[in-house]
Amino acid sequence: MNNVDNSLIVKAKKTANTFLVTGNSLIKQSTDLIIAKNEDLQIATSIMKECQLTEKELEAKRLEITKPLNDFITEVNVLFRETANPILKAKN
């Protein structure tokens, strides 16, 4: 189990670092851009689209990593709830 946990952490860190680099690059592009002509507006639109795409990709990666963990927690909760039922009946 420990190996699985470590691999998920490594995967999450790599994913986060990749998106952090992308985000910082997009910040630099957007803050360096001065809109003085139509071409600049097209560049700004392109940067905005890249931000939106990256945001969607980030959310997809987050769900890819957290879904198995959330599913496992759900299974554990069901197991203990089912295990507790006879004990609760015995108490009553």
N, C-alpha and C. Protein backbone atom coordinates (compact mmCIF):
# COMPACT_ATOMS: atom_id res chain seq x y z
N MET A 1 0.83 -1.20 0.00
CA MET A 1 0.00 0.00 0.00
C MET A 1 0.87 1.26 0.00
N ASN A 2 1.96 1.22 0.71
CA ASN A 2 2.83 2.38 0.79
C ASN A 2 3.40 2.75 -0.58
N ASN A 3 3.74 1.75 -1.40
CA ASN A 3 4.24 2.03 -2.74
C ASN A 3 3.20 2.73 -3.60
N VAL A 4 1.96 2.32 -3.46
CA VAL A 4 0.88 2.96 -4.22
C VAL A 4 0.75 4.41 -3.79
N ASP A 5 0.76 4.66 -2.50
CA ASP A 5 0.65 6.03 -1.99
C ASP A 5 1.79 6.89 -2.51
N ASN A 6 3.02 6.36 -2.45
CA ASN A 6 4.16 7.13 -2.92
C ASN A 6 4.09 7.42 -4.41
N SER A 7 3.65 6.47 -5.20
CA SER A 7 3.56 6.70 -6.64
C SER A 7 2.50 7.76 -6.96
N LEU A 8 1.42 7.76 -6.22
CA LEU A 8 0.39 8.80 -6.43
C LEU A 8 0.92 10.17 -6.06
N ILE A 9 1.68 10.24 -4.99
CA ILE A 9 2.26 11.52 -4.57
C ILE A 9 3.24 12.02 -5.61
N VAL A 10 4.10 11.13 -6.10
CA VAL A 10 5.07 11.52 -7.13
C VAL A 10 4.35 12.00 -8.38
N LYS A 11 3.31 11.26 -8.78
CA LYS A 11 2.53 11.64 -9.97
C LYS A 11 1.86 13.00 -9.77
N ALA A 12 1.32 13.22 -8.60
CA ALA A 12 0.65 14.49 -8.31
C ALA A 12 1.65 15.64 -8.34
N LYS A 13 2.85 15.42 -7.76
CA LYS A 13 3.86 16.48 -7.74
C LYS A 13 4.34 16.81 -9.15
N LYS A 14 4.57 15.79 -9.97
CA LYS A 14 5.00 16.03 -11.34
C LYS A 14 3.93 16.79 -12.11
N THR A 15 2.70 16.38 -11.94
CA THR A 15 1.58 17.04 -12.61
C THR A 15 1.48 18.49 -12.16
N ALA A 16 1.55 18.71 -10.86
CA ALA A 16 1.45 20.06 -10.32
C ALA A 16 2.58 20.93 -10.83
N ASN A 17 3.79 20.40 -10.85
CA ASN A 17 4.94 21.18 -11.33
C ASN A 17 4.79 21.55 -12.79
N THR A 18 4.31 20.63 -13.60
CA THR A 18 4.10 20.90 -15.02
C THR A 18 3.11 22.05 -15.20
N PHE A 19 2.01 21.98 -14.48
CA PHE A 19 1.00 23.03 -14.61
C PHE A 19 1.48 24.35 -14.00
N LEU A 20 2.31 24.28 -12.99
CA LEU A 20 2.87 25.49 -12.39
C LEU A 20 3.76 26.22 -13.40
N VAL A 21 4.58 25.47 -14.11
CA VAL A 21 5.44 26.06 -15.14
C VAL A 21 4.57 26.70 -16.23
N THR A 22 3.56 25.97 -16.66
CA THR A 22 2.66 26.50 -17.70
C THR A 22 1.96 27.76 -17.21
N GLY A 23 1.47 27.73 -15.98
CA GLY A 23 0.78 28.90 -15.42
C GLY A 23 1.68 30.11 -15.33
N ASN A 24 2.90 29.90 -14.87
CA ASN A 24 3.84 31.02 -14.77
C ASN A 24 4.18 31.58 -16.15
N SER A 25 4.29 30.71 -17.14
CA SER A 25 4.55 31.16 -18.51
C SER A 25 3.38 32.01 -19.02
N LEU A 26 2.17 31.55 -18.74
CA LEU A 26 0.98 32.31 -19.18
C LEU A 26 0.88 33.65 -18.46
N ILE A 27 1.25 33.69 -17.20
CA ILE A 27 1.27 34.97 -16.46
C ILE A 27 2.24 35.94 -17.13
N LYS A 28 3.43 35.44 -17.43
CA LYS A 28 4.45 36.30 -18.05
C LYS A 28 3.96 36.81 -19.40
N GLN A 29 3.41 35.91 -20.21
CA GLN A 29 2.92 36.32 -21.52
C GLN A 29 1.84 37.39 -21.40
N SER A 30 0.91 37.19 -20.47
CA SER A 30 -0.21 38.12 -20.35
C SER A 30 0.22 39.46 -19.76
N THR A 31 1.16 39.44 -18.81
CA THR A 31 1.59 40.71 -18.21
C THR A 31 2.54 41.48 -19.12
N ASP A 32 3.26 40.77 -19.98
CA ASP A 32 4.18 41.44 -20.91
C ASP A 32 3.46 42.02 -22.12
N LEU A 33 2.27 41.55 -22.38
CA LEU A 33 1.55 41.96 -23.58
C LEU A 33 0.94 43.34 -23.40
N ILE A 34 1.20 44.19 -24.34
CA ILE A 34 0.56 45.51 -24.40
C ILE A 34 -0.30 45.51 -25.65
N ILE A 35 -1.57 45.75 -25.46
CA ILE A 35 -2.50 45.71 -26.59
C ILE A 35 -2.54 47.09 -27.23
N ALA A 36 -1.89 47.18 -28.39
CA ALA A 36 -1.83 48.45 -29.11
C ALA A 36 -2.45 48.34 -30.50
N LYS A 37 -2.60 47.13 -30.99
CA LYS A 37 -3.15 46.94 -32.33
C LYS A 37 -3.94 45.64 -32.36
N ASN A 38 -4.61 45.37 -33.46
CA ASN A 38 -5.47 44.19 -33.58
C ASN A 38 -4.69 42.89 -33.39
N GLU A 39 -3.46 42.84 -33.87
CA GLU A 39 -2.66 41.63 -33.72
C GLU A 39 -2.43 41.32 -32.23
N ASP A 40 -2.26 42.36 -31.43
CA ASP A 40 -2.07 42.17 -29.99
C ASP A 40 -3.34 41.60 -29.34
N LEU A 41 -4.47 42.04 -29.84
CA LEU A 41 -5.74 41.52 -29.34
C LEU A 41 -5.88 40.04 -29.68
N GLN A 42 -5.43 39.65 -30.85
CA GLN A 42 -5.46 38.24 -31.24
C GLN A 42 -4.53 37.41 -30.34
N ILE A 43 -3.38 37.97 -30.01
CA ILE A 43 -2.45 37.29 -29.11
C ILE A 43 -3.09 37.14 -27.73
N ALA A 44 -3.75 38.19 -27.26
CA ALA A 44 -4.42 38.14 -25.95
C ALA A 44 -5.51 37.07 -25.94
N THR A 45 -6.25 36.97 -27.03
CA THR A 45 -7.29 35.96 -27.15
C THR A 45 -6.68 34.57 -27.13
N SER A 46 -5.57 34.41 -27.80
CA SER A 46 -4.87 33.14 -27.82
C SER A 46 -4.38 32.75 -26.41
N ILE A 47 -3.85 33.72 -25.69
CA ILE A 47 -3.40 33.47 -24.31
C ILE A 47 -4.59 33.05 -23.44
N MET A 48 -5.72 33.73 -23.61
CA MET A 48 -6.92 33.40 -22.83
C MET A 48 -7.40 31.99 -23.14
N LYS A 49 -7.39 31.62 -24.41
CA LYS A 49 -7.81 30.27 -24.78
C LYS A 49 -6.86 29.23 -24.18
N GLU A 50 -5.57 29.52 -24.19
CA GLU A 50 -4.59 28.62 -23.60
C GLU A 50 -4.82 28.48 -22.08
N CYS A 51 -5.17 29.58 -21.43
CA CYS A 51 -5.50 29.54 -20.00
C CYS A 51 -6.71 28.63 -19.75
N GLN A 52 -7.74 28.79 -20.55
CA GLN A 52 -8.95 27.98 -20.39
C GLN A 52 -8.68 26.51 -20.64
N LEU A 53 -7.90 26.21 -21.67
CA LEU A 53 -7.55 24.82 -21.98
C LEU A 53 -6.72 24.22 -20.85
N THR A 54 -5.75 24.96 -20.37
CA THR A 54 -4.90 24.47 -19.29
C THR A 54 -5.71 24.24 -18.02
N GLU A 55 -6.65 25.12 -17.75
CA GLU A 55 -7.51 24.95 -16.58
C GLU A 55 -8.31 23.65 -16.67
N LYS A 56 -8.85 23.35 -17.85
CA LYS A 56 -9.60 22.11 -18.05
C LYS A 56 -8.69 20.90 -17.90
N GLU A 57 -7.49 20.98 -18.45
CA GLU A 57 -6.54 19.88 -18.34
C GLU A 57 -6.14 19.65 -16.88
N LEU A 58 -5.94 20.72 -16.15
CA LEU A 58 -5.58 20.62 -14.74
C LEU A 58 -6.68 19.93 -13.94
N GLU A 59 -7.91 20.31 -14.19
CA GLU A 59 -9.03 19.69 -13.49
C GLU A 59 -9.14 18.21 -13.84
N ALA A 60 -8.93 17.87 -15.10
CA ALA A 60 -8.97 16.47 -15.52
C ALA A 60 -7.88 15.66 -14.82
N LYS A 61 -6.68 16.22 -14.72
CA LYS A 61 -5.58 15.53 -14.03
C LYS A 61 -5.89 15.38 -12.54
N ARG A 62 -6.46 16.43 -11.94
CA ARG A 62 -6.81 16.37 -10.52
C ARG A 62 -7.79 15.24 -10.27
N LEU A 63 -8.80 15.14 -11.12
CA LEU A 63 -9.79 14.08 -10.97
C LEU A 63 -9.19 12.70 -11.23
N GLU A 64 -8.27 12.62 -12.19
CA GLU A 64 -7.60 11.36 -12.49
C GLU A 64 -6.84 10.83 -11.27
N ILE A 65 -6.26 11.75 -10.52
CA ILE A 65 -5.49 11.36 -9.33
C ILE A 65 -6.39 11.14 -8.12
N THR A 66 -7.39 11.99 -7.93
CA THR A 66 -8.20 11.90 -6.71
C THR A 66 -9.34 10.89 -6.79
N LYS A 67 -9.83 10.57 -7.98
CA LYS A 67 -10.97 9.65 -8.09
C LYS A 67 -10.68 8.28 -7.48
N PRO A 68 -9.53 7.66 -7.77
CA PRO A 68 -9.27 6.36 -7.13
C PRO A 68 -9.22 6.46 -5.60
N LEU A 69 -8.69 7.55 -5.11
CA LEU A 69 -8.64 7.73 -3.65
C LEU A 69 -10.04 7.90 -3.08
N ASN A 70 -10.85 8.70 -3.73
CA ASN A 70 -12.22 8.92 -3.26
C ASN A 70 -13.04 7.63 -3.35
N ASP A 71 -12.84 6.86 -4.43
CA ASP A 71 -13.53 5.58 -4.57
C ASP A 71 -13.13 4.63 -3.45
N PHE A 72 -11.85 4.61 -3.11
CA PHE A 72 -11.36 3.75 -2.03
C PHE A 72 -11.99 4.15 -0.70
N ILE A 73 -12.05 5.44 -0.43
CA ILE A 73 -12.65 5.92 0.81
C ILE A 73 -14.12 5.51 0.88
N THR A 74 -14.81 5.62 -0.24
CA THR A 74 -16.22 5.21 -0.29
C THR A 74 -16.35 3.73 0.04
N GLU A 75 -15.48 2.90 -0.53
CA GLU A 75 -15.52 1.45 -0.26
C GLU A 75 -15.25 1.16 1.21
N VAL A 76 -14.29 1.85 1.80
CA VAL A 76 -13.97 1.65 3.22
C VAL A 76 -15.16 2.06 4.08
N ASN A 77 -15.77 3.18 3.77
CA ASN A 77 -16.93 3.64 4.54
C ASN A 77 -18.09 2.66 4.46
N VAL A 78 -18.34 2.12 3.26
CA VAL A 78 -19.41 1.12 3.09
C VAL A 78 -19.09 -0.12 3.91
N LEU A 79 -17.86 -0.58 3.83
CA LEU A 79 -17.45 -1.76 4.58
C LEU A 79 -17.67 -1.58 6.08
N PHE A 80 -17.25 -0.46 6.62
CA PHE A 80 -17.40 -0.25 8.06
C PHE A 80 -18.85 0.01 8.45
N ARG A 81 -19.60 0.64 7.56
CA ARG A 81 -21.03 0.84 7.84
C ARG A 81 -21.72 -0.51 7.91
N GLU A 82 -21.42 -1.40 6.95
CA GLU A 82 -22.02 -2.74 6.94
C GLU A 82 -21.56 -3.55 8.15
N THR A 83 -20.32 -3.37 8.54
CA THR A 83 -19.78 -4.07 9.71
C THR A 83 -20.43 -3.57 11.00
N ALA A 84 -20.74 -2.31 11.02
CA ALA A 84 -21.32 -1.72 12.23
C ALA A 84 -22.79 -2.08 12.41
N ASN A 85 -23.49 -2.41 11.33
CA ASN A 85 -24.93 -2.70 11.43
C ASN A 85 -25.26 -3.79 12.45
N PRO A 86 -24.60 -4.94 12.45
CA PRO A 86 -24.94 -5.95 13.46
C PRO A 86 -24.67 -5.47 14.89
N ILE A 87 -23.63 -4.69 15.05
CA ILE A 87 -23.30 -4.17 16.38
C ILE A 87 -24.40 -3.21 16.84
N LEU A 88 -24.84 -2.34 15.93
CA LEU A 88 -25.91 -1.42 16.27
C LEU A 88 -27.21 -2.14 16.60
N LYS A 89 -27.50 -3.20 15.84
CA LYS A 89 -28.70 -4.00 16.12
C LYS A 89 -28.60 -4.67 17.49
N ALA A 90 -27.42 -5.15 17.79
CA ALA A 90 -27.21 -5.80 19.10
C ALA A 90 -27.40 -4.82 20.24
N LYS A 91 -26.98 -3.59 20.03
CA LYS A 91 -27.13 -2.56 21.07
C LYS A 91 -28.60 -2.25 21.33
N ASN A 92 -29.40 -2.28 20.28
CA ASN A 92 -30.82 -1.91 20.41
C ASN A 92 -31.57 -3.11 20.90
